[in-house]
Amino acid sequence: MPVRPENKARYPADWKAVSAAIKARADGQCECTGECGLHTGCRCGELHGFPAKYAKGKIVLTVAHLDHQPENCDPSNLKAMCQRCHLRYDRDHHAASMKANRLKDAETAGQMILG
């Protein structure tokens, strides 16, 4: 998944190399073994560049930070995941971030009206 511009500074300068190393470790296969809630006890079978088994399109391996902290690039904190597993793994984190952003936006809008 592309790095959002507002988070770019949180990633190391060599992120592309770090990401490539994790994908190489995965040997082209999603490393998810149930973290996403789908593959309990077994490894996801999706392969980079092949048609998706459970969705439309081709699989693209991404690299997930298991603790959701881009600064933590220890290999034990990173997993190569297909888009489906990565999005499902990050689902709760994304929902919390969206809620926090909505609250911040509402506060900013309120300050503009009062200001």
Protein backbone atom coordinates (compact mmCIF):
# COMPACT_ATOMS: atom_id res chain seq x y z
CA MET A 1 0.00 0.00 0.00
CA PRO A 2 1.36 3.42 -0.78
CA VAL A 3 2.70 5.48 2.08
CA ARG A 4 0.45 8.45 2.79
CA PRO A 5 2.25 11.79 2.38
CA GLU A 6 1.52 12.81 5.99
CA ASN A 7 3.21 9.61 7.25
CA LYS A 8 6.21 9.58 4.89
CA ALA A 9 8.58 11.06 7.49
CA ARG A 10 7.76 8.18 9.88
CA TYR A 11 9.31 5.60 7.52
CA PRO A 12 13.07 5.06 7.25
CA ALA A 13 14.88 6.46 4.22
CA ASP A 14 15.60 2.88 3.08
CA TRP A 15 11.95 1.72 3.33
CA LYS A 16 11.93 0.39 -0.23
CA ALA A 17 14.89 -1.88 0.57
CA VAL A 18 13.37 -2.97 3.90
CA SER A 19 10.05 -3.72 2.19
CA ALA A 20 11.79 -5.63 -0.61
CA ALA A 21 13.68 -7.77 1.93
CA ILE A 22 10.45 -8.71 3.72
CA LYS A 23 8.78 -9.62 0.41
CA ALA A 24 11.83 -11.71 -0.54
CA ARG A 25 11.64 -13.49 2.82
CA ALA A 26 8.01 -14.34 1.99
CA ASP A 27 9.06 -15.90 -1.32
CA GLY A 28 6.14 -14.24 -3.10
CA GLN A 29 3.44 -15.63 -0.78
CA CYS A 30 1.33 -13.78 1.76
CA GLU A 31 2.80 -14.45 5.23
CA CYS A 32 -0.50 -14.00 7.08
CA THR A 33 -1.27 -16.95 9.32
CA GLY A 34 -4.51 -15.74 10.83
CA GLU A 35 -3.70 -12.22 12.01
CA CYS A 36 -6.38 -10.99 9.60
CA GLY A 37 -8.99 -13.33 11.06
CA LEU A 38 -9.32 -15.49 7.93
CA HIS A 39 -6.59 -18.14 7.95
CA THR A 40 -6.52 -19.39 11.53
CA GLY A 41 -3.78 -21.97 11.84
CA CYS A 42 -2.61 -21.89 8.23
CA ARG A 43 -0.79 -19.53 5.89
CA CYS A 44 -2.70 -17.51 3.30
CA GLY A 45 -2.21 -19.04 -0.14
CA GLU A 46 -2.24 -15.83 -2.19
CA LEU A 47 0.81 -15.37 -4.45
CA HIS A 48 2.23 -12.07 -5.69
CA GLY A 49 1.38 -11.37 -9.33
CA PHE A 50 -1.19 -14.17 -9.64
CA PRO A 51 -4.95 -13.77 -9.94
CA ALA A 52 -6.63 -13.36 -6.55
CA LYS A 53 -8.48 -16.45 -5.36
CA TYR A 54 -11.07 -14.57 -3.30
CA ALA A 55 -11.33 -11.23 -5.10
CA LYS A 56 -10.91 -9.66 -8.53
CA GLY A 57 -7.55 -8.63 -9.90
CA LYS A 58 -3.98 -9.68 -9.24
CA ILE A 59 -2.30 -10.07 -5.89
CA VAL A 60 0.18 -7.41 -4.83
CA LEU A 61 2.18 -8.15 -1.71
CA THR A 62 2.36 -5.27 0.75
CA VAL A 63 4.29 -5.02 4.02
CA ALA A 64 2.31 -4.67 7.25
CA HIS A 65 3.66 -3.24 10.51
CA LEU A 66 2.18 -5.58 13.10
CA ASP A 67 2.27 -2.85 15.78
CA HIS A 68 1.03 -0.16 13.34
CA GLN A 69 4.17 1.91 14.01
CA PRO A 70 6.02 2.76 10.76
CA GLU A 71 9.14 3.65 12.75
CA ASN A 72 9.44 0.04 13.98
CA CYS A 73 11.00 -1.79 11.05
CA ASP A 74 12.36 -4.76 12.96
CA PRO A 75 11.81 -7.80 10.71
CA SER A 76 9.82 -9.51 13.50
CA ASN A 77 7.33 -6.60 13.34
CA LEU A 78 6.85 -6.82 9.57
CA LYS A 79 4.92 -9.30 7.44
CA ALA A 80 4.36 -9.46 3.71
CA MET A 81 0.60 -9.59 3.20
CA CYS A 82 -1.75 -9.62 0.25
CA GLN A 83 -4.03 -6.59 0.02
CA ARG A 84 -6.98 -8.50 1.48
CA CYS A 85 -5.14 -9.71 4.58
CA HIS A 86 -3.42 -6.35 5.12
CA LEU A 87 -6.68 -4.39 4.96
CA ARG A 88 -8.43 -6.84 7.28
CA TYR A 89 -5.50 -6.80 9.70
CA ASP A 90 -5.51 -2.98 9.80
CA ARG A 91 -9.34 -2.67 9.92
CA ASP A 92 -9.64 -1.74 13.62
CA HIS A 93 -6.62 0.56 13.47
CA HIS A 94 -8.07 2.37 10.42
CA ALA A 95 -11.48 2.74 12.11
CA ALA A 96 -9.88 4.28 15.22
CA SER A 97 -7.77 6.64 13.10
CA MET A 98 -10.80 7.73 11.09
CA LYS A 99 -12.76 8.42 14.29
CA ALA A 100 -9.89 10.46 15.75
CA ASN A 101 -9.58 12.43 12.50
CA ARG A 102 -13.33 13.15 12.43
CA LEU A 103 -13.19 14.42 16.02
CA LYS A 104 -10.17 16.58 15.23
CA ASP A 105 -11.91 17.97 12.14
CA ALA A 106 -15.06 18.72 14.17
CA GLU A 107 -13.00 20.51 16.83
CA THR A 108 -11.20 22.55 14.16
CA ALA A 109 -14.52 23.46 12.51
CA GLY A 110 -15.93 24.50 15.90
CA GLN A 111 -12.93 26.70 16.58
CA MET A 112 -13.37 28.37 13.18
CA ILE A 113 -17.01 29.15 13.95
CA LEU A 114 -16.17 30.47 17.43
CA GLY A 115 -12.94 32.16 16.40
